[in-house]
């Protein structure tokens, strides 16, 4: 799991940085980048949920997973109620913030693992 956490963090960093460059070159690519980053983060979140207990989790990971779940539920509810403008505003502006938060959580978990390894060396 330690290797997955390192790979997860670096993939986050590459995807976010690459997406910023990709969008700067051609703005309509925003949608592709949006789904690529979001898809990877949902995949990673699902892996962490199923392998819970086999790794050190940052205290914000649970909050992130809950926020992701609430975002999905609220998107379905807003769509069902026909509140499309609010749904679009939420789905355009909140996921990029969540993506940065998720990259931060991955970085912090790697630091926790490094500290744990250092403590076991003493």
PDB file of N, CA and C in Angstrom:
ATOM      1  N   UNK A   1       0.825  -1.195   0.000  1.00  0.00           N
ATOM      2  CA  UNK A   1       0.000   0.000   0.000  1.00  0.00           C
ATOM      3  C   UNK A   1       0.869   1.258   0.000  1.00  0.00           C
ATOM      4  N   UNK A   2       2.064   1.130   0.570  1.00  0.00           N
ATOM      5  CA  UNK A   2       2.956   2.284   0.608  1.00  0.00           C
ATOM      6  C   UNK A   2       3.329   2.725  -0.806  1.00  0.00           C
ATOM      7  N   UNK A   3       3.596   1.746  -1.662  1.00  0.00           N
ATOM      8  CA  UNK A   3       3.936   2.058  -3.049  1.00  0.00           C
ATOM      9  C   UNK A   3       2.747   2.703  -3.758  1.00  0.00           C
ATOM     10  N   UNK A   4       1.546   2.185  -3.509  1.00  0.00           N
ATOM     11  CA  UNK A   4       0.358   2.768  -4.133  1.00  0.00           C
ATOM     12  C   UNK A   4       0.178   4.219  -3.710  1.00  0.00           C
ATOM     13  N   UNK A   5       0.431   4.534  -2.445  1.00  0.00           N
ATOM     14  CA  UNK A   5       0.279   5.913  -1.971  1.00  0.00           C
ATOM     15  C   UNK A   5       1.263   6.847  -2.667  1.00  0.00           C
ATOM     16  N   UNK A   6       2.492   6.385  -2.849  1.00  0.00           N
ATOM     17  CA  UNK A   6       3.479   7.210  -3.552  1.00  0.00           C
ATOM     18  C   UNK A   6       3.074   7.409  -5.010  1.00  0.00           C
ATOM     19  N   UNK A   7       2.683   6.315  -5.656  1.00  0.00           N
ATOM     20  CA  UNK A   7       2.252   6.401  -7.056  1.00  0.00           C
ATOM     21  C   UNK A   7       1.024   7.286  -7.181  1.00  0.00           C
ATOM     22  N   UNK A   8       0.087   7.143  -6.250  1.00  0.00           N
ATOM     23  CA  UNK A   8      -1.139   7.935  -6.262  1.00  0.00           C
ATOM     24  C   UNK A   8      -0.823   9.427  -6.187  1.00  0.00           C
ATOM     25  N   UNK A   9       0.074   9.805  -5.285  1.00  0.00           N
ATOM     26  CA  UNK A   9       0.434  11.218  -5.144  1.00  0.00           C
ATOM     27  C   UNK A   9       1.076  11.750  -6.430  1.00  0.00           C
ATOM     28  N   UNK A  10       2.014  10.999  -6.995  1.00  0.00           N
ATOM     29  CA  UNK A  10       2.700  11.486  -8.189  1.00  0.00           C
ATOM     30  C   UNK A  10       1.775  11.525  -9.399  1.00  0.00           C
ATOM     31  N   UNK A  11       0.852  10.581  -9.484  1.00  0.00           N
ATOM     32  CA  UNK A  11      -0.121  10.630 -10.573  1.00  0.00           C
ATOM     33  C   UNK A  11      -1.018  11.852 -10.413  1.00  0.00           C
ATOM     34  N   UNK A  12      -1.420  12.156  -9.171  1.00  0.00           N
ATOM     35  CA  UNK A  12      -2.221  13.354  -8.920  1.00  0.00           C
ATOM     36  C   UNK A  12      -1.480  14.598  -9.397  1.00  0.00           C
ATOM     37  N   UNK A  13      -0.225  14.681  -9.014  1.00  0.00           N
ATOM     38  CA  UNK A  13       0.585  15.847  -9.363  1.00  0.00           C
ATOM     39  C   UNK A  13       0.739  15.982 -10.880  1.00  0.00           C
ATOM     40  N   UNK A  14       1.023  14.881 -11.547  1.00  0.00           N
ATOM     41  CA  UNK A  14       1.195  14.909 -13.005  1.00  0.00           C
ATOM     42  C   UNK A  14      -0.124  15.243 -13.697  1.00  0.00           C
ATOM     43  N   UNK A  15      -1.220  14.632 -13.237  1.00  0.00           N
ATOM     44  CA  UNK A  15      -2.516  14.901 -13.862  1.00  0.00           C
ATOM     45  C   UNK A  15      -2.947  16.356 -13.697  1.00  0.00           C
ATOM     46  N   UNK A  16      -2.796  16.884 -12.504  1.00  0.00           N
ATOM     47  CA  UNK A  16      -3.216  18.270 -12.270  1.00  0.00           C
ATOM     48  C   UNK A  16      -2.337  19.245 -13.046  1.00  0.00           C
ATOM     49  N   UNK A  17      -1.026  19.050 -12.980  1.00  0.00           N
ATOM     50  CA  UNK A  17      -0.112  19.938 -13.707  1.00  0.00           C
ATOM     51  C   UNK A  17      -0.310  19.805 -15.221  1.00  0.00           C
ATOM     52  N   UNK A  18      -0.400  18.573 -15.688  1.00  0.00           N
ATOM     53  CA  UNK A  18      -0.617  18.354 -17.113  1.00  0.00           C
ATOM     54  C   UNK A  18      -1.932  18.933 -17.591  1.00  0.00           C
ATOM     55  N   UNK A  19      -2.950  18.839 -16.760  1.00  0.00           N
ATOM     56  CA  UNK A  19      -4.254  19.391 -17.131  1.00  0.00           C
ATOM     57  C   UNK A  19      -4.215  20.907 -17.226  1.00  0.00           C
ATOM     58  N   UNK A  20      -3.497  21.535 -16.306  1.00  0.00           N
ATOM     59  CA  UNK A  20      -3.372  22.993 -16.368  1.00  0.00           C
ATOM     60  C   UNK A  20      -2.702  23.427 -17.670  1.00  0.00           C
ATOM     61  N   UNK A  21      -1.655  22.705 -18.063  1.00  0.00           N
ATOM     62  CA  UNK A  21      -0.963  23.021 -19.316  1.00  0.00           C
ATOM     63  C   UNK A  21      -1.871  22.723 -20.513  1.00  0.00           C
ATOM     64  N   UNK A  22      -2.538  21.583 -20.467  1.00  0.00           N
ATOM     65  CA  UNK A  22      -3.425  21.159 -21.547  1.00  0.00           C
ATOM     66  C   UNK A  22      -4.563  22.148 -21.753  1.00  0.00           C
ATOM     67  N   UNK A  23      -5.134  22.638 -20.654  1.00  0.00           N
ATOM     68  CA  UNK A  23      -6.238  23.607 -20.733  1.00  0.00           C
ATOM     69  C   UNK A  23      -5.725  24.970 -21.189  1.00  0.00           C
ATOM     70  N   UNK A  24      -4.502  25.327 -20.785  1.00  0.00           N
ATOM     71  CA  UNK A  24      -3.934  26.604 -21.214  1.00  0.00           C
ATOM     72  C   UNK A  24      -3.722  26.627 -22.729  1.00  0.00           C
ATOM     73  N   UNK A  25      -3.421  25.478 -23.302  1.00  0.00           N
ATOM     74  CA  UNK A  25      -3.219  25.397 -24.746  1.00  0.00           C
ATOM     75  C   UNK A  25      -4.546  25.479 -25.486  1.00  0.00           C
ATOM     76  N   UNK A  26      -5.544  24.757 -24.983  1.00  0.00           N
ATOM     77  CA  UNK A  26      -6.841  24.705 -25.660  1.00  0.00           C
ATOM     78  C   UNK A  26      -7.937  24.550 -24.610  1.00  0.00           C
ATOM     79  N   UNK A  27      -8.676  25.620 -24.341  1.00  0.00           N
ATOM     80  CA  UNK A  27      -9.656  25.655 -23.260  1.00  0.00           C
ATOM     81  C   UNK A  27     -10.745  24.579 -23.335  1.00  0.00           C
ATOM     82  N   UNK A  28     -11.243  24.203 -24.509  1.00  0.00           N
ATOM     83  CA  UNK A  28     -12.269  23.138 -24.531  1.00  0.00           C
ATOM     84  C   UNK A  28     -11.792  21.790 -23.981  1.00  0.00           C
ATOM     85  N   UNK A  29     -10.492  21.624 -23.820  1.00  0.00           N
ATOM     86  CA  UNK A  29      -9.969  20.389 -23.237  1.00  0.00           C
ATOM     87  C   UNK A  29     -10.244  20.299 -21.738  1.00  0.00           C
ATOM     88  N   UNK A  30     -10.829  21.345 -21.174  1.00  0.00           N
ATOM     89  CA  UNK A  30     -11.162  21.363 -19.753  1.00  0.00           C
ATOM     90  C   UNK A  30     -12.026  20.163 -19.376  1.00  0.00           C
ATOM     91  N   UNK A  31     -12.972  19.821 -20.218  1.00  0.00           N
ATOM     92  CA  UNK A  31     -13.903  18.729 -19.909  1.00  0.00           C
ATOM     93  C   UNK A  31     -13.161  17.399 -19.861  1.00  0.00           C
ATOM     94  N   UNK A  32     -12.263  17.175 -20.800  1.00  0.00           N
ATOM     95  CA  UNK A  32     -11.490  15.929 -20.803  1.00  0.00           C
ATOM     96  C   UNK A  32     -10.642  15.835 -19.540  1.00  0.00           C
ATOM     97  N   UNK A  33      -9.959  16.908 -19.216  1.00  0.00           N
ATOM     98  CA  UNK A  33      -9.121  16.935 -18.013  1.00  0.00           C
ATOM     99  C   UNK A  33      -9.952  16.747 -16.756  1.00  0.00           C
ATOM    100  N   UNK A  34     -11.102  17.358 -16.730  1.00  0.00           N
ATOM    101  CA  UNK A  34     -12.025  17.272 -15.603  1.00  0.00           C
ATOM    102  C   UNK A  34     -12.368  15.816 -15.308  1.00  0.00           C
ATOM    103  N   UNK A  35     -12.699  15.049 -16.353  1.00  0.00           N
ATOM    104  CA  UNK A  35     -13.083  13.652 -16.169  1.00  0.00           C
ATOM    105  C   UNK A  35     -11.885  12.747 -15.900  1.00  0.00           C
ATOM    106  N   UNK A  36     -10.735  13.052 -16.465  1.00  0.00           N
ATOM    107  CA  UNK A  36      -9.545  12.234 -16.224  1.00  0.00           C
ATOM    108  C   UNK A  36      -9.108  12.356 -14.769  1.00  0.00           C
ATOM    109  N   UNK A  37      -9.007  13.578 -14.276  1.00  0.00           N
ATOM    110  CA  UNK A  37      -8.600  13.774 -12.881  1.00  0.00           C
ATOM    111  C   UNK A  37      -9.655  13.212 -11.936  1.00  0.00           C
ATOM    112  N   UNK A  38     -10.908  13.521 -12.195  1.00  0.00           N
ATOM    113  CA  UNK A  38     -11.985  13.028 -11.342  1.00  0.00           C
ATOM    114  C   UNK A  38     -12.076  11.515 -11.343  1.00  0.00           C
ATOM    115  N   UNK A  39     -11.908  10.910 -12.507  1.00  0.00           N
ATOM    116  CA  UNK A  39     -11.955   9.450 -12.603  1.00  0.00           C
ATOM    117  C   UNK A  39     -10.846   8.790 -11.806  1.00  0.00           C
ATOM    118  N   UNK A  40      -9.632   9.341 -11.899  1.00  0.00           N
ATOM    119  CA  UNK A  40      -8.523   8.779 -11.136  1.00  0.00           C
ATOM    120  C   UNK A  40      -8.775   8.931  -9.636  1.00  0.00           C
ATOM    121  N   UNK A  41      -9.282  10.076  -9.218  1.00  0.00           N
ATOM    122  CA  UNK A  41      -9.500  10.293  -7.794  1.00  0.00           C
ATOM    123  C   UNK A  41     -10.611   9.409  -7.248  1.00  0.00           C
ATOM    124  N   UNK A  42     -11.653   9.182  -8.025  1.00  0.00           N
ATOM    125  CA  UNK A  42     -12.713   8.281  -7.580  1.00  0.00           C
ATOM    126  C   UNK A  42     -12.177   6.849  -7.498  1.00  0.00           C
ATOM    127  N   UNK A  43     -11.392   6.433  -8.485  1.00  0.00           N
ATOM    128  CA  UNK A  43     -10.771   5.110  -8.461  1.00  0.00           C
ATOM    129  C   UNK A  43      -9.892   4.948  -7.218  1.00  0.00           C
ATOM    130  N   UNK A  44      -9.067   5.939  -6.948  1.00  0.00           N
ATOM    131  CA  UNK A  44      -8.179   5.898  -5.792  1.00  0.00           C
ATOM    132  C   UNK A  44      -8.966   5.888  -4.488  1.00  0.00           C
ATOM    133  N   UNK A  45     -10.016   6.676  -4.425  1.00  0.00           N
ATOM    134  CA  UNK A  45     -10.846   6.727  -3.217  1.00  0.00           C
ATOM    135  C   UNK A  45     -11.512   5.370  -2.972  1.00  0.00           C
ATOM    136  N   UNK A  46     -11.988   4.725  -4.028  1.00  0.00           N
ATOM    137  CA  UNK A  46     -12.615   3.402  -3.884  1.00  0.00           C
ATOM    138  C   UNK A  46     -11.594   2.377  -3.392  1.00  0.00           C
ATOM    139  N   UNK A  47     -10.388   2.425  -3.917  1.00  0.00           N
ATOM    140  CA  UNK A  47      -9.335   1.510  -3.450  1.00  0.00           C
ATOM    141  C   UNK A  47      -9.067   1.738  -1.967  1.00  0.00           C
ATOM    142  N   UNK A  48      -8.971   2.982  -1.552  1.00  0.00           N
ATOM    143  CA  UNK A  48      -8.724   3.277  -0.142  1.00  0.00           C
ATOM    144  C   UNK A  48      -9.880   2.821   0.753  1.00  0.00           C
ATOM    145  N   UNK A  49     -11.097   2.935   0.270  1.00  0.00           N
ATOM    146  CA  UNK A  49     -12.243   2.488   1.069  1.00  0.00           C
ATOM    147  C   UNK A  49     -12.199   0.971   1.245  1.00  0.00           C
ATOM    148  N   UNK A  50     -11.914   0.241   0.169  1.00  0.00           N
ATOM    149  CA  UNK A  50     -11.900  -1.218   0.265  1.00  0.00           C
ATOM    150  C   UNK A  50     -10.689  -1.759   1.015  1.00  0.00           C
ATOM    151  N   UNK A  51      -9.592  -1.044   1.005  1.00  0.00           N
ATOM    152  CA  UNK A  51      -8.383  -1.495   1.704  1.00  0.00           C
ATOM    153  C   UNK A  51      -8.168  -0.745   3.013  1.00  0.00           C
ATOM    154  N   UNK A  52      -9.232  -0.240   3.567  1.00  0.00           N
ATOM    155  CA  UNK A  52      -9.141   0.511   4.814  1.00  0.00           C
ATOM    156  C   UNK A  52      -8.579  -0.390   5.912  1.00  0.00           C
ATOM    157  N   UNK A  53      -7.709   0.149   6.717  1.00  0.00           N
ATOM    158  CA  UNK A  53      -7.086  -0.625   7.774  1.00  0.00           C
ATOM    159  C   UNK A  53      -5.730  -1.176   7.386  1.00  0.00           C
ATOM    160  N   UNK A  54      -5.383  -1.145   6.111  1.00  0.00           N
ATOM    161  CA  UNK A  54      -4.091  -1.643   5.660  1.00  0.00           C
ATOM    162  C   UNK A  54      -3.098  -0.507   5.409  1.00  0.00           C
ATOM    163  N   UNK A  55      -3.437   0.690   5.841  1.00  0.00           N
ATOM    164  CA  UNK A  55      -2.576   1.833   5.597  1.00  0.00           C
ATOM    165  C   UNK A  55      -2.860   2.903   6.642  1.00  0.00           C
ATOM    166  N   UNK A  56      -1.984   3.863   6.715  1.00  0.00           N
ATOM    167  CA  UNK A  56      -2.198   5.019   7.581  1.00  0.00           C
ATOM    168  C   UNK A  56      -2.976   6.041   6.775  1.00  0.00           C
ATOM    169  N   UNK A  57      -4.117   6.440   7.284  1.00  0.00           N
ATOM    170  CA  UNK A  57      -4.958   7.412   6.578  1.00  0.00           C
ATOM    171  C   UNK A  57      -4.908   8.749   7.304  1.00  0.00           C
ATOM    172  N   UNK A  58      -4.819   9.796   6.533  1.00  0.00           N
ATOM    173  CA  UNK A  58      -4.893  11.141   7.090  1.00  0.00           C
ATOM    174  C   UNK A  58      -6.323  11.391   7.549  1.00  0.00           C
ATOM    175  N   UNK A  59      -6.488  12.179   8.572  1.00  0.00           N
ATOM    176  CA  UNK A  59      -7.826  12.397   9.131  1.00  0.00           C
ATOM    177  C   UNK A  59      -8.768  13.069   8.134  1.00  0.00           C
ATOM    178  N   UNK A  60      -8.233  13.721   7.121  1.00  0.00           N
ATOM    179  CA  UNK A  60      -9.082  14.393   6.138  1.00  0.00           C
ATOM    180  C   UNK A  60      -9.580  13.449   5.041  1.00  0.00           C
ATOM    181  N   UNK A  61      -9.014  12.245   4.954  1.00  0.00           N
ATOM    182  CA  UNK A  61      -9.446  11.308   3.906  1.00  0.00           C
ATOM    183  C   UNK A  61     -10.917  10.952   4.079  1.00  0.00           C
ATOM    184  N   UNK A  62     -11.342  10.694   5.307  1.00  0.00           N
ATOM    185  CA  UNK A  62     -12.749  10.376   5.563  1.00  0.00           C
ATOM    186  C   UNK A  62     -13.637  11.561   5.188  1.00  0.00           C
ATOM    187  N   UNK A  63     -13.185  12.774   5.511  1.00  0.00           N
ATOM    188  CA  UNK A  63     -13.956  13.964   5.135  1.00  0.00           C
ATOM    189  C   UNK A  63     -14.044  14.095   3.613  1.00  0.00           C
ATOM    190  N   UNK A  64     -12.951  13.792   2.927  1.00  0.00           N
ATOM    191  CA  UNK A  64     -12.956  13.862   1.462  1.00  0.00           C
ATOM    192  C   UNK A  64     -13.939  12.853   0.883  1.00  0.00           C
ATOM    193  N   UNK A  65     -13.903  11.624   1.390  1.00  0.00           N
ATOM    194  CA  UNK A  65     -14.818  10.594   0.874  1.00  0.00           C
ATOM    195  C   UNK A  65     -16.266  10.967   1.139  1.00  0.00           C
ATOM    196  N   UNK A  66     -16.535  11.536   2.298  1.00  0.00           N
ATOM    197  CA  UNK A  66     -17.897  11.984   2.590  1.00  0.00           C
ATOM    198  C   UNK A  66     -18.309  13.138   1.676  1.00  0.00           C
ATOM    199  N   UNK A  67     -17.399  14.067   1.436  1.00  0.00           N
ATOM    200  CA  UNK A  67     -17.707  15.195   0.549  1.00  0.00           C
ATOM    201  C   UNK A  67     -17.974  14.701  -0.866  1.00  0.00           C
ATOM    202  N   UNK A  68     -17.213  13.722  -1.304  1.00  0.00           N
ATOM    203  CA  UNK A  68     -17.413  13.147  -2.633  1.00  0.00           C
ATOM    204  C   UNK A  68     -18.772  12.457  -2.719  1.00  0.00           C
ATOM    205  N   UNK A  69     -19.125  11.726  -1.682  1.00  0.00           N
ATOM    206  CA  UNK A  69     -20.427  11.062  -1.645  1.00  0.00           C
ATOM    207  C   UNK A  69     -21.564  12.089  -1.626  1.00  0.00           C
ATOM    208  N   UNK A  70     -21.400  13.126  -0.813  1.00  0.00           N
ATOM    209  CA  UNK A  70     -22.430  14.168  -0.752  1.00  0.00           C
ATOM    210  C   UNK A  70     -22.552  14.908  -2.079  1.00  0.00           C
ATOM    211  N   UNK A  71     -21.435  15.116  -2.763  1.00  0.00           N
ATOM    212  CA  UNK A  71     -21.465  15.759  -4.076  1.00  0.00           C
ATOM    213  C   UNK A  71     -22.245  14.910  -5.072  1.00  0.00           C
ATOM    214  N   UNK A  72     -21.993  13.619  -5.073  1.00  0.00           N
ATOM    215  CA  UNK A  72     -22.722  12.730  -5.969  1.00  0.00           C
ATOM    216  C   UNK A  72     -24.209  12.674  -5.663  1.00  0.00           C
ATOM    217  N   UNK A  73     -24.561  12.566  -4.383  1.00  0.00           N
ATOM    218  CA  UNK A  73     -25.972  12.517  -3.992  1.00  0.00           C
ATOM    219  C   UNK A  73     -26.669  13.832  -4.316  1.00  0.00           C
ATOM    220  N   UNK A  74     -26.014  14.951  -4.010  1.00  0.00           N
ATOM    221  CA  UNK A  74     -26.639  16.247  -4.294  1.00  0.00           C
ATOM    222  C   UNK A  74     -26.784  16.470  -5.796  1.00  0.00           C
ATOM    223  N   UNK A  75     -25.837  15.978  -6.591  1.00  0.00           N
ATOM    224  CA  UNK A  75     -25.958  16.108  -8.048  1.00  0.00           C
ATOM    225  C   UNK A  75     -27.177  15.350  -8.553  1.00  0.00           C
ATOM    226  N   UNK A  76     -27.387  14.146  -8.042  1.00  0.00           N
ATOM    227  CA  UNK A  76     -28.560  13.370  -8.449  1.00  0.00           C
ATOM    228  C   UNK A  76     -29.849  14.058  -7.994  1.00  0.00           C
ATOM    229  N   UNK A  77     -29.862  14.568  -6.757  1.00  0.00           N
ATOM    230  CA  UNK A  77     -31.060  15.247  -6.245  1.00  0.00           C
ATOM    231  C   UNK A  77     -31.355  16.528  -7.019  1.00  0.00           C
ATOM    232  N   UNK A  78     -30.336  17.344  -7.267  1.00  0.00           N
ATOM    233  CA  UNK A  78     -30.551  18.588  -8.009  1.00  0.00           C
ATOM    234  C   UNK A  78     -31.022  18.294  -9.432  1.00  0.00           C
ATOM    235  N   UNK A  79     -30.485  17.247 -10.024  1.00  0.00           N
ATOM    236  CA  UNK A  79     -30.917  16.865 -11.366  1.00  0.00           C
ATOM    237  C   UNK A  79     -32.378  16.420 -11.350  1.00  0.00           C
ATOM    238  N   UNK A  80     -32.738  15.627 -10.349  1.00  0.00           N
ATOM    239  CA  UNK A  80     -34.118  15.140 -10.241  1.00  0.00           C
ATOM    240  C   UNK A  80     -35.102  16.276  -9.969  1.00  0.00           C
ATOM    241  N   UNK A  81     -34.655  17.291  -9.221  1.00  0.00           N
ATOM    242  CA  UNK A  81     -35.528  18.428  -8.903  1.00  0.00           C
ATOM    243  C   UNK A  81     -35.552  19.455 -10.028  1.00  0.00           C
ATOM    244  N   UNK A  82     -34.652  19.332 -10.984  1.00  0.00           N
ATOM    245  CA  UNK A  82     -34.634  20.258 -12.108  1.00  0.00           C
ATOM    246  C   UNK A  82     -33.894  21.561 -11.821  1.00  0.00           C
ATOM    247  N   UNK A  83     -33.039  21.564 -10.822  1.00  0.00           N
ATOM    248  CA  UNK A  83     -32.271  22.762 -10.464  1.00  0.00           C
ATOM    249  C   UNK A  83     -30.922  22.680 -11.192  1.00  0.00           C
ATOM    250  N   UNK A  84     -30.965  22.884 -12.506  1.00  0.00           N
ATOM    251  CA  UNK A  84     -29.783  22.670 -13.331  1.00  0.00           C
ATOM    252  C   UNK A  84     -28.713  23.738 -13.149  1.00  0.00           C
ATOM    253  N   UNK A  85     -29.107  24.975 -12.942  1.00  0.00           N
ATOM    254  CA  UNK A  85     -28.119  26.056 -12.800  1.00  0.00           C
ATOM    255  C   UNK A  85     -27.274  25.841 -11.553  1.00  0.00           C
ATOM    256  N   UNK A  86     -27.928  25.537 -10.433  1.00  0.00           N
ATOM    257  CA  UNK A  86     -27.190  25.276  -9.196  1.00  0.00           C
ATOM    258  C   UNK A  86     -26.308  24.041  -9.352  1.00  0.00           C
ATOM    259  N   UNK A  87     -26.830  23.012 -10.010  1.00  0.00           N
ATOM    260  CA  UNK A  87     -26.061  21.790 -10.256  1.00  0.00           C
ATOM    261  C   UNK A  87     -24.813  22.094 -11.077  1.00  0.00           C
ATOM    262  N   UNK A  88     -24.944  22.878 -12.137  1.00  0.00           N
ATOM    263  CA  UNK A  88     -23.797  23.216 -12.973  1.00  0.00           C
ATOM    264  C   UNK A  88     -22.758  24.036 -12.220  1.00  0.00           C
ATOM    265  N   UNK A  89     -23.232  24.982 -11.426  1.00  0.00           N
ATOM    266  CA  UNK A  89     -22.298  25.802 -10.644  1.00  0.00           C
ATOM    267  C   UNK A  89     -21.508  24.937  -9.678  1.00  0.00           C
ATOM    268  N   UNK A  90     -22.200  24.054  -8.976  1.00  0.00           N
ATOM    269  CA  UNK A  90     -21.524  23.176  -8.018  1.00  0.00           C
ATOM    270  C   UNK A  90     -20.560  22.236  -8.723  1.00  0.00           C
ATOM    271  N   UNK A  91     -20.995  21.633  -9.821  1.00  0.00           N
ATOM    272  CA  UNK A  91     -20.159  20.645 -10.502  1.00  0.00           C
ATOM    273  C   UNK A  91     -19.000  21.250 -11.295  1.00  0.00           C
ATOM    274  N   UNK A  92     -19.044  22.536 -11.546  1.00  0.00           N
ATOM    275  CA  UNK A  92     -17.921  23.174 -12.245  1.00  0.00           C
ATOM    276  C   UNK A  92     -16.870  23.674 -11.258  1.00  0.00           C
ATOM    277  N   UNK A  93     -17.305  24.239 -10.139  1.00  0.00           N
ATOM    278  CA  UNK A  93     -16.355  24.897  -9.242  1.00  0.00           C
ATOM    279  C   UNK A  93     -15.876  24.031  -8.077  1.00  0.00           C
ATOM    280  N   UNK A  94     -16.676  23.119  -7.571  1.00  0.00           N
ATOM    281  CA  UNK A  94     -16.273  22.334  -6.410  1.00  0.00           C
ATOM    282  C   UNK A  94     -15.264  21.225  -6.723  1.00  0.00           C
ATOM    283  N   UNK A  95     -15.415  20.433  -7.778  1.00  0.00           N
ATOM    284  CA  UNK A  95     -14.446  19.354  -8.030  1.00  0.00           C
ATOM    285  C   UNK A  95     -12.988  19.789  -8.196  1.00  0.00           C
ATOM    286  N   UNK A  96     -12.670  20.917  -8.841  1.00  0.00           N
ATOM    287  CA  UNK A  96     -11.254  21.311  -8.866  1.00  0.00           C
ATOM    288  C   UNK A  96     -10.690  21.598  -7.470  1.00  0.00           C
ATOM    289  N   UNK A  97     -11.517  22.152  -6.598  1.00  0.00           N
ATOM    290  CA  UNK A  97     -11.081  22.382  -5.214  1.00  0.00           C
ATOM    291  C   UNK A  97     -10.862  21.043  -4.520  1.00  0.00           C
ATOM    292  N   UNK A  98     -11.791  20.109  -4.727  1.00  0.00           N
ATOM    293  CA  UNK A  98     -11.641  18.779  -4.141  1.00  0.00           C
ATOM    294  C   UNK A  98     -10.408  18.062  -4.688  1.00  0.00           C
ATOM    295  N   UNK A  99     -10.086  18.280  -5.953  1.00  0.00           N
ATOM    296  CA  UNK A  99      -8.899  17.652  -6.548  1.00  0.00           C
ATOM    297  C   UNK A  99      -7.628  18.136  -5.853  1.00  0.00           C
ATOM    298  N   UNK A 100      -7.538  19.420  -5.601  1.00  0.00           N
ATOM    299  CA  UNK A 100      -6.371  19.961  -4.892  1.00  0.00           C
ATOM    300  C   UNK A 100      -6.316  19.454  -3.458  1.00  0.00           C
ATOM    301  N   UNK A 101      -7.465  19.373  -2.813  1.00  0.00           N
ATOM    302  CA  UNK A 101      -7.521  18.837  -1.447  1.00  0.00           C
ATOM    303  C   UNK A 101      -7.066  17.383  -1.430  1.00  0.00           C
ATOM    304  N   UNK A 102      -7.478  16.609  -2.435  1.00  0.00           N
ATOM    305  CA  UNK A 102      -7.106  15.203  -2.479  1.00  0.00           C
ATOM    306  C   UNK A 102      -5.600  15.034  -2.689  1.00  0.00           C
ATOM    307  N   UNK A 103      -5.023  15.859  -3.523  1.00  0.00           N
ATOM    308  CA  UNK A 103      -3.568  15.811  -3.720  1.00  0.00           C
ATOM    309  C   UNK A 103      -2.848  16.159  -2.422  1.00  0.00           C
ATOM    310  N   UNK A 104      -3.369  17.132  -1.675  1.00  0.00           N
ATOM    311  CA  UNK A 104      -2.795  17.484  -0.380  1.00  0.00           C
ATOM    312  C   UNK A 104      -2.898  16.316   0.600  1.00  0.00           C
ATOM    313  N   UNK A 105      -4.039  15.636   0.629  1.00  0.00           N
ATOM    314  CA  UNK A 105      -4.227  14.490   1.514  1.00  0.00           C
ATOM    315  C   UNK A 105      -3.227  13.389   1.177  1.00  0.00           C
ATOM    316  N   UNK A 106      -3.026  13.135  -0.110  1.00  0.00           N
ATOM    317  CA  UNK A 106      -2.054  12.119  -0.533  1.00  0.00           C
ATOM    318  C   UNK A 106      -0.645  12.487  -0.086  1.00  0.00           C
ATOM    319  N   UNK A 107      -0.304  13.766  -0.217  1.00  0.00           N
ATOM    320  CA  UNK A 107       1.021  14.225   0.222  1.00  0.00           C
ATOM    321  C   UNK A 107       1.193  14.042   1.718  1.00  0.00           C
ATOM    322  N   UNK A 108       0.189  14.394   2.486  1.00  0.00           N
ATOM    323  CA  UNK A 108       0.262  14.263   3.938  1.00  0.00           C
ATOM    324  C   UNK A 108       0.356  12.799   4.360  1.00  0.00           C
ATOM    325  N   UNK A 109      -0.337  11.922   3.673  1.00  0.00           N
ATOM    326  CA  UNK A 109      -0.250  10.500   4.006  1.00  0.00           C
ATOM    327  C   UNK A 109       1.139   9.942   3.703  1.00  0.00           C
ATOM    328  N   UNK A 110       1.759  10.419   2.648  1.00  0.00           N
ATOM    329  CA  UNK A 110       3.140  10.007   2.370  1.00  0.00           C
ATOM    330  C   UNK A 110       4.083  10.496   3.455  1.00  0.00           C
ATOM    331  N   UNK A 111       3.850  11.697   3.970  1.00  0.00           N
ATOM    332  CA  UNK A 111       4.668  12.198   5.086  1.00  0.00           C
ATOM    333  C   UNK A 111       4.442  11.362   6.342  1.00  0.00           C
ATOM    334  N   UNK A 112       3.206  10.960   6.600  1.00  0.00           N
ATOM    335  CA  UNK A 112       2.923  10.095   7.748  1.00  0.00           C
ATOM    336  C   UNK A 112       3.653   8.757   7.618  1.00  0.00           C
ATOM    337  N   UNK A 113       3.647   8.190   6.431  1.00  0.00           N
ATOM    338  CA  UNK A 113       4.366   6.933   6.214  1.00  0.00           C
ATOM    339  C   UNK A 113       5.871   7.104   6.408  1.00  0.00           C
ATOM    340  N   UNK A 114       6.401   8.217   5.937  1.00  0.00           N
ATOM    341  CA  UNK A 114       7.839   8.468   6.097  1.00  0.00           C
ATOM    342  C   UNK A 114       8.196   8.626   7.577  1.00  0.00           C
ATOM    343  N   UNK A 115       7.350   9.329   8.332  1.00  0.00           N
ATOM    344  CA  UNK A 115       7.597   9.475   9.774  1.00  0.00           C
ATOM    345  C   UNK A 115       7.506   8.142  10.490  1.00  0.00           C
ATOM    346  N   UNK A 116       6.552   7.306  10.089  1.00  0.00           N
ATOM    347  CA  UNK A 116       6.398   5.999  10.705  1.00  0.00           C
ATOM    348  C   UNK A 116       7.643   5.144  10.448  1.00  0.00           C
ATOM    349  N   UNK A 117       8.159   5.168   9.229  1.00  0.00           N
ATOM    350  CA  UNK A 117       9.373   4.422   8.913  1.00  0.00           C
ATOM    351  C   UNK A 117      10.556   4.946   9.710  1.00  0.00           C
ATOM    352  N   UNK A 118      10.635   6.249   9.888  1.00  0.00           N
ATOM    353  CA  UNK A 118      11.723   6.852  10.635  1.00  0.00           C
ATOM    354  C   UNK A 118      11.657   6.448  12.120  1.00  0.00           C
ATOM    355  N   UNK A 119      10.452   6.394  12.669  1.00  0.00           N
ATOM    356  CA  UNK A 119      10.290   6.015  14.071  1.00  0.00           C
ATOM    357  C   UNK A 119      10.715   4.561  14.279  1.00  0.00           C
ATOM    358  N   UNK A 120      10.422   3.704  13.323  1.00  0.00           N
ATOM    359  CA  UNK A 120      10.796   2.292  13.450  1.00  0.00           C
ATOM    360  C   UNK A 120      12.294   2.069  13.292  1.00  0.00           C
ATOM    361  N   UNK A 121      13.008   3.039  12.757  1.00  0.00           N
ATOM    362  CA  UNK A 121      14.458   2.910  12.625  1.00  0.00           C
ATOM    363  C   UNK A 121      15.172   3.176  13.947  1.00  0.00           C
ATOM    364  N   UNK A 122      14.547   3.920  14.824  1.00  0.00           N
ATOM    365  CA  UNK A 122      15.203   4.283  16.101  1.00  0.00           C
ATOM    366  C   UNK A 122      15.294   3.112  17.038  1.00  0.00           C
TER     367      UNK A 122
END
